[in-house]
N, C-alpha and C. Protein backbone atom coordinates (compact mmCIF):
# COMPACT_ATOMS: atom_id res chain seq x y z
N MET A 1 61.20 -4.59 6.38
CA MET A 1 61.34 -5.32 7.62
C MET A 1 60.15 -6.26 7.73
N GLY A 2 60.38 -7.56 7.54
CA GLY A 2 59.32 -8.54 7.61
C GLY A 2 58.91 -8.83 9.04
N GLU A 3 57.63 -9.09 9.20
CA GLU A 3 57.10 -9.48 10.50
C GLU A 3 56.53 -10.89 10.41
N TYR A 4 56.55 -11.56 11.55
CA TYR A 4 56.06 -12.94 11.62
C TYR A 4 55.23 -13.11 12.88
N ARG A 5 54.18 -13.93 12.78
CA ARG A 5 53.26 -14.17 13.89
C ARG A 5 53.44 -15.59 14.41
N GLU A 6 53.64 -15.71 15.71
CA GLU A 6 53.77 -17.02 16.34
C GLU A 6 52.40 -17.68 16.35
N ARG A 7 52.32 -18.89 15.88
CA ARG A 7 51.04 -19.57 15.69
C ARG A 7 50.30 -19.87 16.99
N THR A 8 50.99 -20.13 18.04
CA THR A 8 50.35 -20.50 19.31
C THR A 8 49.91 -19.28 20.11
N THR A 9 50.81 -18.34 20.31
CA THR A 9 50.52 -17.18 21.18
C THR A 9 49.97 -15.99 20.42
N GLY A 10 50.21 -15.92 19.10
CA GLY A 10 49.78 -14.76 18.32
C GLY A 10 50.74 -13.60 18.41
N GLU A 11 51.87 -13.79 19.07
CA GLU A 11 52.86 -12.73 19.22
C GLU A 11 53.48 -12.40 17.86
N VAL A 12 53.61 -11.11 17.57
CA VAL A 12 54.17 -10.64 16.30
C VAL A 12 55.51 -9.99 16.57
N LYS A 13 56.53 -10.43 15.82
CA LYS A 13 57.88 -9.87 15.95
C LYS A 13 58.50 -9.73 14.57
N THR A 14 59.51 -8.89 14.49
CA THR A 14 60.26 -8.75 13.24
C THR A 14 61.18 -9.96 13.07
N GLN A 15 61.71 -10.09 11.87
CA GLN A 15 62.63 -11.19 11.61
C GLN A 15 63.83 -11.14 12.55
N GLY A 16 64.35 -9.96 12.78
CA GLY A 16 65.48 -9.80 13.70
C GLY A 16 65.14 -10.21 15.12
N GLU A 17 63.94 -9.87 15.57
CA GLU A 17 63.52 -10.26 16.91
C GLU A 17 63.35 -11.78 17.02
N TRP A 18 62.84 -12.41 15.96
CA TRP A 18 62.71 -13.87 15.98
C TRP A 18 64.07 -14.54 15.95
N ARG A 19 65.02 -13.96 15.24
CA ARG A 19 66.38 -14.52 15.23
C ARG A 19 66.95 -14.52 16.65
N ALA A 20 66.65 -13.47 17.42
CA ALA A 20 67.15 -13.38 18.80
C ALA A 20 66.49 -14.44 19.68
N VAL A 21 65.24 -14.83 19.36
CA VAL A 21 64.55 -15.86 20.13
C VAL A 21 65.18 -17.23 19.88
N PHE A 22 65.71 -17.42 18.68
CA PHE A 22 66.33 -18.70 18.30
C PHE A 22 67.83 -18.49 18.05
N PRO A 23 68.59 -18.11 19.07
CA PRO A 23 70.01 -17.76 18.86
C PRO A 23 70.87 -18.96 18.43
N ASN A 24 70.47 -20.16 18.77
CA ASN A 24 71.28 -21.34 18.45
C ASN A 24 70.83 -22.03 17.17
N MET A 25 69.86 -21.43 16.47
CA MET A 25 69.38 -22.03 15.24
C MET A 25 70.00 -21.28 14.06
N SER A 26 70.57 -22.00 13.16
CA SER A 26 71.14 -21.40 11.95
C SER A 26 69.98 -21.12 10.99
N LEU A 27 69.74 -19.86 10.73
CA LEU A 27 68.61 -19.47 9.90
C LEU A 27 69.10 -18.87 8.58
N PRO A 28 68.45 -19.23 7.49
CA PRO A 28 68.84 -18.67 6.20
C PRO A 28 68.44 -17.20 6.10
N ARG A 29 68.97 -16.55 5.10
CA ARG A 29 68.65 -15.13 4.88
C ARG A 29 67.17 -14.96 4.49
N VAL A 30 66.70 -15.84 3.58
CA VAL A 30 65.31 -15.81 3.14
C VAL A 30 64.56 -16.94 3.83
N TRP A 31 63.45 -16.61 4.46
CA TRP A 31 62.68 -17.61 5.19
C TRP A 31 61.59 -18.19 4.30
N THR A 32 61.68 -19.46 4.04
CA THR A 32 60.67 -20.17 3.25
C THR A 32 59.60 -20.70 4.19
N SER A 33 58.60 -21.35 3.60
CA SER A 33 57.53 -21.92 4.43
C SER A 33 58.09 -23.02 5.34
N ASN A 34 59.13 -23.75 4.89
CA ASN A 34 59.73 -24.78 5.74
C ASN A 34 60.38 -24.17 6.98
N VAL A 35 61.06 -23.05 6.81
CA VAL A 35 61.69 -22.36 7.94
C VAL A 35 60.61 -21.88 8.91
N CYS A 36 59.56 -21.30 8.37
CA CYS A 36 58.46 -20.80 9.21
C CYS A 36 57.80 -21.95 9.97
N ASP A 37 57.61 -23.08 9.29
CA ASP A 37 57.02 -24.24 9.97
C ASP A 37 57.90 -24.71 11.12
N ALA A 38 59.21 -24.73 10.89
CA ALA A 38 60.14 -25.18 11.94
C ALA A 38 60.11 -24.25 13.15
N MET A 39 59.85 -22.98 12.90
CA MET A 39 59.81 -22.00 13.98
C MET A 39 58.40 -21.79 14.52
N ASN A 40 57.39 -22.42 13.90
CA ASN A 40 56.00 -22.30 14.29
C ASN A 40 55.50 -20.85 14.16
N ILE A 41 55.86 -20.23 13.03
CA ILE A 41 55.45 -18.84 12.78
C ILE A 41 54.87 -18.74 11.37
N ASP A 42 54.12 -17.67 11.14
CA ASP A 42 53.57 -17.35 9.83
C ASP A 42 54.00 -15.94 9.46
N PRO A 43 54.28 -15.71 8.17
CA PRO A 43 54.63 -14.35 7.76
C PRO A 43 53.40 -13.44 7.85
N VAL A 44 53.66 -12.17 8.15
CA VAL A 44 52.60 -11.16 8.14
C VAL A 44 52.80 -10.35 6.86
N LEU A 45 51.79 -10.38 6.01
CA LEU A 45 51.87 -9.71 4.72
C LEU A 45 51.43 -8.25 4.84
N ALA A 46 51.97 -7.42 3.97
CA ALA A 46 51.59 -6.01 3.93
C ALA A 46 50.16 -5.89 3.43
N SER A 47 49.47 -4.88 3.89
CA SER A 47 48.11 -4.61 3.42
C SER A 47 47.94 -3.10 3.30
N PRO A 48 46.93 -2.67 2.53
CA PRO A 48 46.75 -1.23 2.34
C PRO A 48 46.25 -0.55 3.63
N ALA A 49 46.55 0.73 3.70
CA ALA A 49 46.08 1.53 4.83
C ALA A 49 44.56 1.64 4.79
N ALA A 50 43.97 1.98 5.91
CA ALA A 50 42.51 2.14 5.99
C ALA A 50 42.08 3.37 5.21
N THR A 51 40.88 3.33 4.69
CA THR A 51 40.30 4.48 4.01
C THR A 51 39.89 5.49 5.08
N THR A 52 40.29 6.74 4.87
CA THR A 52 40.05 7.76 5.88
C THR A 52 39.29 8.95 5.31
N SER A 53 38.71 9.73 6.20
CA SER A 53 38.07 10.99 5.81
C SER A 53 39.07 12.13 6.07
N ALA A 54 38.63 13.35 5.87
CA ALA A 54 39.52 14.51 5.97
C ALA A 54 40.17 14.67 7.34
N TYR A 55 39.48 14.26 8.40
CA TYR A 55 40.01 14.46 9.74
C TYR A 55 40.30 13.13 10.43
N GLN A 56 40.76 12.17 9.65
CA GLN A 56 41.14 10.87 10.19
C GLN A 56 42.52 10.49 9.67
N THR A 57 43.16 9.57 10.37
CA THR A 57 44.41 8.99 9.92
C THR A 57 44.27 7.48 9.94
N SER A 58 45.10 6.83 9.16
CA SER A 58 45.12 5.37 9.16
C SER A 58 46.18 4.93 10.16
N ALA A 59 45.80 4.03 11.06
CA ALA A 59 46.71 3.58 12.11
C ALA A 59 46.80 2.06 12.12
N ARG A 60 47.99 1.56 12.34
CA ARG A 60 48.20 0.12 12.42
C ARG A 60 47.56 -0.37 13.71
N ASP A 61 46.82 -1.49 13.60
CA ASP A 61 46.11 -2.04 14.75
C ASP A 61 46.29 -3.55 14.79
N GLY A 62 47.54 -3.97 14.81
CA GLY A 62 47.84 -5.39 14.91
C GLY A 62 47.78 -6.10 13.58
N VAL A 63 47.43 -7.38 13.65
CA VAL A 63 47.32 -8.21 12.45
C VAL A 63 46.00 -8.94 12.48
N GLU A 64 45.57 -9.41 11.31
CA GLU A 64 44.34 -10.18 11.21
C GLU A 64 44.48 -11.17 10.06
N GLN A 65 43.62 -12.16 10.08
CA GLN A 65 43.66 -13.15 9.03
C GLN A 65 42.70 -12.73 7.92
N ASN A 66 43.17 -12.80 6.66
CA ASN A 66 42.31 -12.41 5.55
C ASN A 66 41.51 -13.61 5.06
N ALA A 67 40.74 -13.42 3.99
CA ALA A 67 39.87 -14.47 3.46
C ALA A 67 40.66 -15.68 2.96
N ASN A 68 41.92 -15.50 2.59
CA ASN A 68 42.76 -16.60 2.11
C ASN A 68 43.45 -17.34 3.24
N GLY A 69 43.25 -16.89 4.47
CA GLY A 69 43.91 -17.52 5.61
C GLY A 69 45.30 -16.99 5.90
N ASP A 70 45.73 -15.96 5.16
CA ASP A 70 47.03 -15.34 5.39
C ASP A 70 46.91 -14.31 6.50
N TRP A 71 48.00 -14.10 7.22
CA TRP A 71 48.04 -13.06 8.24
C TRP A 71 48.51 -11.78 7.57
N VAL A 72 47.77 -10.70 7.77
CA VAL A 72 48.06 -9.41 7.14
C VAL A 72 48.02 -8.29 8.18
N GLU A 73 48.68 -7.19 7.86
CA GLU A 73 48.64 -6.01 8.72
C GLU A 73 47.19 -5.51 8.79
N LYS A 74 46.77 -5.10 9.96
CA LYS A 74 45.42 -4.56 10.14
C LYS A 74 45.53 -3.06 10.36
N TYR A 75 44.78 -2.31 9.59
CA TYR A 75 44.74 -0.86 9.74
C TYR A 75 43.32 -0.40 10.02
N VAL A 76 43.19 0.63 10.84
CA VAL A 76 41.88 1.21 11.16
C VAL A 76 41.96 2.72 10.97
N ALA A 77 40.82 3.31 10.69
CA ALA A 77 40.73 4.77 10.58
C ALA A 77 40.51 5.33 11.98
N ARG A 78 41.33 6.28 12.37
CA ARG A 78 41.20 6.91 13.69
C ARG A 78 41.00 8.41 13.51
N ASP A 79 40.14 8.96 14.34
CA ASP A 79 39.93 10.41 14.32
C ASP A 79 41.20 11.12 14.73
N MET A 80 41.49 12.23 14.06
CA MET A 80 42.67 13.02 14.41
C MET A 80 42.43 13.84 15.67
N PHE A 81 41.17 14.14 15.93
CA PHE A 81 40.85 15.05 17.03
C PHE A 81 39.79 14.45 17.94
N ALA A 82 39.74 14.95 19.17
CA ALA A 82 38.72 14.56 20.14
C ALA A 82 38.45 15.76 21.04
N ASP A 83 37.37 15.70 21.77
CA ASP A 83 37.08 16.74 22.76
C ASP A 83 38.20 16.73 23.80
N THR A 84 38.65 17.90 24.21
CA THR A 84 39.72 17.99 25.20
C THR A 84 39.36 19.01 26.27
N THR A 85 40.02 18.87 27.41
CA THR A 85 39.90 19.84 28.49
C THR A 85 41.31 20.16 28.95
N ASP A 86 41.67 21.45 28.94
CA ASP A 86 43.03 21.81 29.34
C ASP A 86 43.15 21.89 30.86
N ASP A 87 44.32 22.25 31.35
CA ASP A 87 44.59 22.30 32.79
C ASP A 87 43.71 23.31 33.52
N ASP A 88 43.22 24.33 32.80
CA ASP A 88 42.36 25.35 33.43
C ASP A 88 40.89 24.99 33.34
N GLY A 89 40.58 23.81 32.82
CA GLY A 89 39.19 23.38 32.72
C GLY A 89 38.47 23.87 31.48
N VAL A 90 39.20 24.47 30.55
CA VAL A 90 38.59 24.97 29.32
C VAL A 90 38.41 23.80 28.35
N LYS A 91 37.16 23.60 27.91
CA LYS A 91 36.86 22.49 27.01
C LYS A 91 36.91 22.97 25.56
N THR A 92 37.49 22.14 24.72
CA THR A 92 37.53 22.39 23.28
C THR A 92 36.93 21.16 22.62
N THR A 93 35.93 21.40 21.78
CA THR A 93 35.25 20.28 21.14
C THR A 93 36.05 19.76 19.95
N LYS A 94 35.71 18.56 19.55
CA LYS A 94 36.32 17.96 18.37
C LYS A 94 36.10 18.87 17.16
N ALA A 95 34.89 19.41 17.02
CA ALA A 95 34.56 20.29 15.90
C ALA A 95 35.44 21.55 15.91
N GLN A 96 35.73 22.08 17.08
CA GLN A 96 36.60 23.26 17.17
C GLN A 96 38.02 22.92 16.75
N HIS A 97 38.50 21.75 17.16
CA HIS A 97 39.84 21.32 16.75
C HIS A 97 39.89 21.16 15.23
N GLU A 98 38.85 20.54 14.65
CA GLU A 98 38.82 20.34 13.20
C GLU A 98 38.78 21.67 12.47
N ALA A 99 37.99 22.63 12.99
CA ALA A 99 37.90 23.95 12.35
C ALA A 99 39.25 24.67 12.39
N ALA A 100 39.94 24.58 13.52
CA ALA A 100 41.25 25.21 13.63
C ALA A 100 42.26 24.56 12.68
N TYR A 101 42.21 23.25 12.58
CA TYR A 101 43.10 22.51 11.68
C TYR A 101 42.82 22.91 10.22
N GLN A 102 41.53 22.97 9.86
CA GLN A 102 41.16 23.36 8.49
C GLN A 102 41.58 24.79 8.21
N ALA A 103 41.45 25.67 9.19
CA ALA A 103 41.87 27.06 9.01
C ALA A 103 43.37 27.14 8.73
N THR A 104 44.15 26.31 9.42
CA THR A 104 45.60 26.27 9.18
C THR A 104 45.90 25.76 7.77
N LEU A 105 45.20 24.69 7.37
CA LEU A 105 45.39 24.17 6.01
C LEU A 105 45.04 25.22 4.96
N ASP A 106 43.91 25.91 5.17
CA ASP A 106 43.48 26.94 4.22
C ASP A 106 44.47 28.09 4.17
N ALA A 107 45.00 28.49 5.32
CA ALA A 107 45.98 29.58 5.35
C ALA A 107 47.25 29.19 4.59
N ASN A 108 47.70 27.96 4.77
CA ASN A 108 48.89 27.49 4.06
C ASN A 108 48.64 27.41 2.56
N THR A 109 47.45 26.95 2.17
CA THR A 109 47.10 26.88 0.75
C THR A 109 47.01 28.28 0.17
N ALA A 110 46.42 29.21 0.91
CA ALA A 110 46.31 30.59 0.43
C ALA A 110 47.69 31.20 0.24
N THR A 111 48.61 30.94 1.15
CA THR A 111 49.98 31.46 1.02
C THR A 111 50.64 30.90 -0.23
N ALA A 112 50.48 29.61 -0.47
CA ALA A 112 51.07 29.00 -1.66
C ALA A 112 50.44 29.56 -2.93
N ASN A 113 49.11 29.74 -2.92
CA ASN A 113 48.44 30.28 -4.10
C ASN A 113 48.83 31.73 -4.37
N ARG A 114 49.00 32.51 -3.31
CA ARG A 114 49.44 33.90 -3.50
C ARG A 114 50.84 33.93 -4.11
N SER A 115 51.69 33.04 -3.67
CA SER A 115 53.05 32.97 -4.21
C SER A 115 53.01 32.61 -5.70
N THR A 116 52.19 31.64 -6.05
CA THR A 116 52.05 31.26 -7.47
C THR A 116 51.48 32.41 -8.28
N ARG A 117 50.46 33.05 -7.73
CA ARG A 117 49.86 34.20 -8.42
C ARG A 117 50.88 35.31 -8.61
N ASP A 118 51.65 35.61 -7.58
CA ASP A 118 52.65 36.67 -7.67
C ASP A 118 53.71 36.33 -8.72
N SER A 119 54.08 35.07 -8.82
CA SER A 119 55.05 34.66 -9.84
C SER A 119 54.48 34.84 -11.23
N LYS A 120 53.21 34.49 -11.40
CA LYS A 120 52.57 34.65 -12.71
C LYS A 120 52.45 36.13 -13.09
N LEU A 121 52.18 36.96 -12.10
CA LEU A 121 52.15 38.41 -12.37
C LEU A 121 53.55 38.92 -12.73
N ALA A 122 54.56 38.46 -12.01
CA ALA A 122 55.93 38.91 -12.27
C ALA A 122 56.38 38.51 -13.67
N GLU A 123 55.92 37.34 -14.15
CA GLU A 123 56.28 36.89 -15.49
C GLU A 123 55.76 37.84 -16.56
N THR A 124 54.68 38.55 -16.26
CA THR A 124 54.06 39.43 -17.26
C THR A 124 54.28 40.91 -16.95
N ASP A 125 55.07 41.23 -15.96
CA ASP A 125 55.31 42.63 -15.60
C ASP A 125 55.89 43.44 -16.76
N TRP A 126 56.67 42.82 -17.60
CA TRP A 126 57.31 43.56 -18.68
C TRP A 126 56.27 44.14 -19.65
N HIS A 127 55.04 43.58 -19.65
CA HIS A 127 53.98 44.13 -20.50
C HIS A 127 53.56 45.52 -20.03
N GLY A 128 53.87 45.85 -18.79
CA GLY A 128 53.47 47.12 -18.23
C GLY A 128 54.55 48.19 -18.29
N MET A 129 55.65 47.91 -18.97
CA MET A 129 56.73 48.90 -19.06
C MET A 129 56.27 50.09 -19.91
N SER A 130 56.87 51.23 -19.68
CA SER A 130 56.43 52.46 -20.33
C SER A 130 56.56 52.43 -21.85
N ASP A 131 57.48 51.63 -22.38
CA ASP A 131 57.66 51.60 -23.83
C ASP A 131 56.90 50.44 -24.49
N VAL A 132 56.00 49.79 -23.74
CA VAL A 132 55.21 48.67 -24.26
C VAL A 132 53.73 49.00 -24.05
N THR A 133 52.93 48.77 -25.07
CA THR A 133 51.49 48.95 -24.94
C THR A 133 50.90 47.59 -24.57
N MET A 134 50.27 47.54 -23.41
CA MET A 134 49.73 46.28 -22.94
C MET A 134 48.44 45.96 -23.68
N ALA A 135 48.36 44.75 -24.22
CA ALA A 135 47.16 44.30 -24.92
C ALA A 135 46.02 44.11 -23.93
N ASP A 136 44.79 44.27 -24.42
CA ASP A 136 43.62 44.14 -23.56
C ASP A 136 43.52 42.75 -22.93
N ASN A 137 43.85 41.70 -23.71
CA ASN A 137 43.74 40.35 -23.13
C ASN A 137 44.77 40.14 -22.02
N MET A 138 45.92 40.83 -22.09
CA MET A 138 46.92 40.74 -21.03
C MET A 138 46.44 41.52 -19.80
N LYS A 139 45.79 42.67 -20.03
CA LYS A 139 45.22 43.43 -18.92
C LYS A 139 44.17 42.58 -18.19
N THR A 140 43.33 41.89 -18.95
CA THR A 140 42.28 41.04 -18.38
C THR A 140 42.89 39.89 -17.58
N TYR A 141 43.92 39.27 -18.13
CA TYR A 141 44.60 38.15 -17.47
C TYR A 141 45.21 38.61 -16.15
N ARG A 142 45.93 39.72 -16.18
CA ARG A 142 46.58 40.21 -14.96
C ARG A 142 45.55 40.61 -13.91
N GLN A 143 44.44 41.20 -14.34
CA GLN A 143 43.39 41.56 -13.39
C GLN A 143 42.76 40.31 -12.80
N ALA A 144 42.58 39.28 -13.61
CA ALA A 144 42.01 38.03 -13.10
C ALA A 144 42.94 37.41 -12.06
N LEU A 145 44.25 37.51 -12.28
CA LEU A 145 45.20 37.01 -11.28
C LEU A 145 45.07 37.79 -9.98
N ARG A 146 44.96 39.11 -10.08
CA ARG A 146 44.84 39.92 -8.88
C ARG A 146 43.52 39.67 -8.15
N ASP A 147 42.48 39.26 -8.89
CA ASP A 147 41.16 39.02 -8.30
C ASP A 147 41.01 37.61 -7.72
N LEU A 148 41.99 36.75 -7.87
CA LEU A 148 41.87 35.37 -7.39
C LEU A 148 41.45 35.25 -5.92
N PRO A 149 41.98 36.07 -5.01
CA PRO A 149 41.57 35.92 -3.60
C PRO A 149 40.07 36.16 -3.36
N THR A 150 39.37 36.74 -4.33
CA THR A 150 37.92 36.93 -4.18
C THR A 150 37.14 35.81 -4.86
N HIS A 151 37.84 34.85 -5.45
CA HIS A 151 37.19 33.72 -6.13
C HIS A 151 36.40 32.89 -5.12
N SER A 152 35.28 32.35 -5.53
CA SER A 152 34.41 31.59 -4.62
C SER A 152 35.10 30.34 -4.05
N ASN A 153 36.07 29.78 -4.76
CA ASN A 153 36.77 28.58 -4.27
C ASN A 153 38.04 28.90 -3.49
N TRP A 154 38.37 30.17 -3.33
CA TRP A 154 39.61 30.55 -2.64
C TRP A 154 39.60 30.02 -1.22
N PRO A 155 40.66 29.45 -0.70
CA PRO A 155 41.97 29.26 -1.31
C PRO A 155 42.12 27.91 -2.01
N ASN A 156 41.07 27.10 -2.01
CA ASN A 156 41.16 25.74 -2.55
C ASN A 156 40.82 25.73 -4.03
N LEU A 157 41.67 26.39 -4.80
CA LEU A 157 41.44 26.52 -6.24
C LEU A 157 41.77 25.23 -6.98
N GLU A 158 41.02 24.99 -8.04
CA GLU A 158 41.32 23.89 -8.95
C GLU A 158 42.02 24.50 -10.16
N ASP A 159 42.58 23.65 -11.00
CA ASP A 159 43.29 24.14 -12.17
C ASP A 159 42.42 25.03 -13.04
N ALA A 160 41.15 24.68 -13.16
CA ALA A 160 40.24 25.45 -14.01
C ALA A 160 39.93 26.83 -13.42
N ASP A 161 40.19 27.05 -12.15
CA ASP A 161 39.92 28.34 -11.52
C ASP A 161 40.98 29.38 -11.86
N TRP A 162 42.13 28.94 -12.29
CA TRP A 162 43.21 29.87 -12.62
C TRP A 162 42.98 30.44 -14.02
N PRO A 163 43.23 31.73 -14.19
CA PRO A 163 43.06 32.31 -15.53
C PRO A 163 44.12 31.77 -16.49
N THR A 164 43.76 31.73 -17.76
CA THR A 164 44.68 31.23 -18.80
C THR A 164 45.47 32.39 -19.36
N LYS A 165 46.77 32.21 -19.41
CA LYS A 165 47.65 33.25 -19.92
C LYS A 165 47.44 33.38 -21.44
N PRO A 166 47.25 34.61 -21.92
CA PRO A 166 47.03 34.79 -23.36
C PRO A 166 48.31 34.54 -24.16
């Protein structure tokens, strides 16, 4: 959905909205620079989202002119959380909101890692059957899987933190 900026007022509208402004003008499907000049508008080009930190989001904040003189989407980094006060007057700081959010992310990651670990253990369960002698390296591997929740990086494990299957 293309957007266009009116040169005089700075108003930004979609192509469909501009078509509604000019109902008696026959407009082509593709708008060239000649069409834009006739309508006194400039195209708004797409631009990358703002660089954000862990507790920020990128939000659209209008349009701006770039170094080439083109109009582009403007994005800014906005904090996800702020200090709040509920109806009972209880204040929650931004840091408390961030900690609660991170705790939720960590809990979800831990659940996913436990599921992966359990699947890896299930894949090797047959080594523990009564008619099979489990090799020492398999015993070590399975124990390392069971010990993962005590790993220093838990629950935010990297690939290298997972034991290698023998």
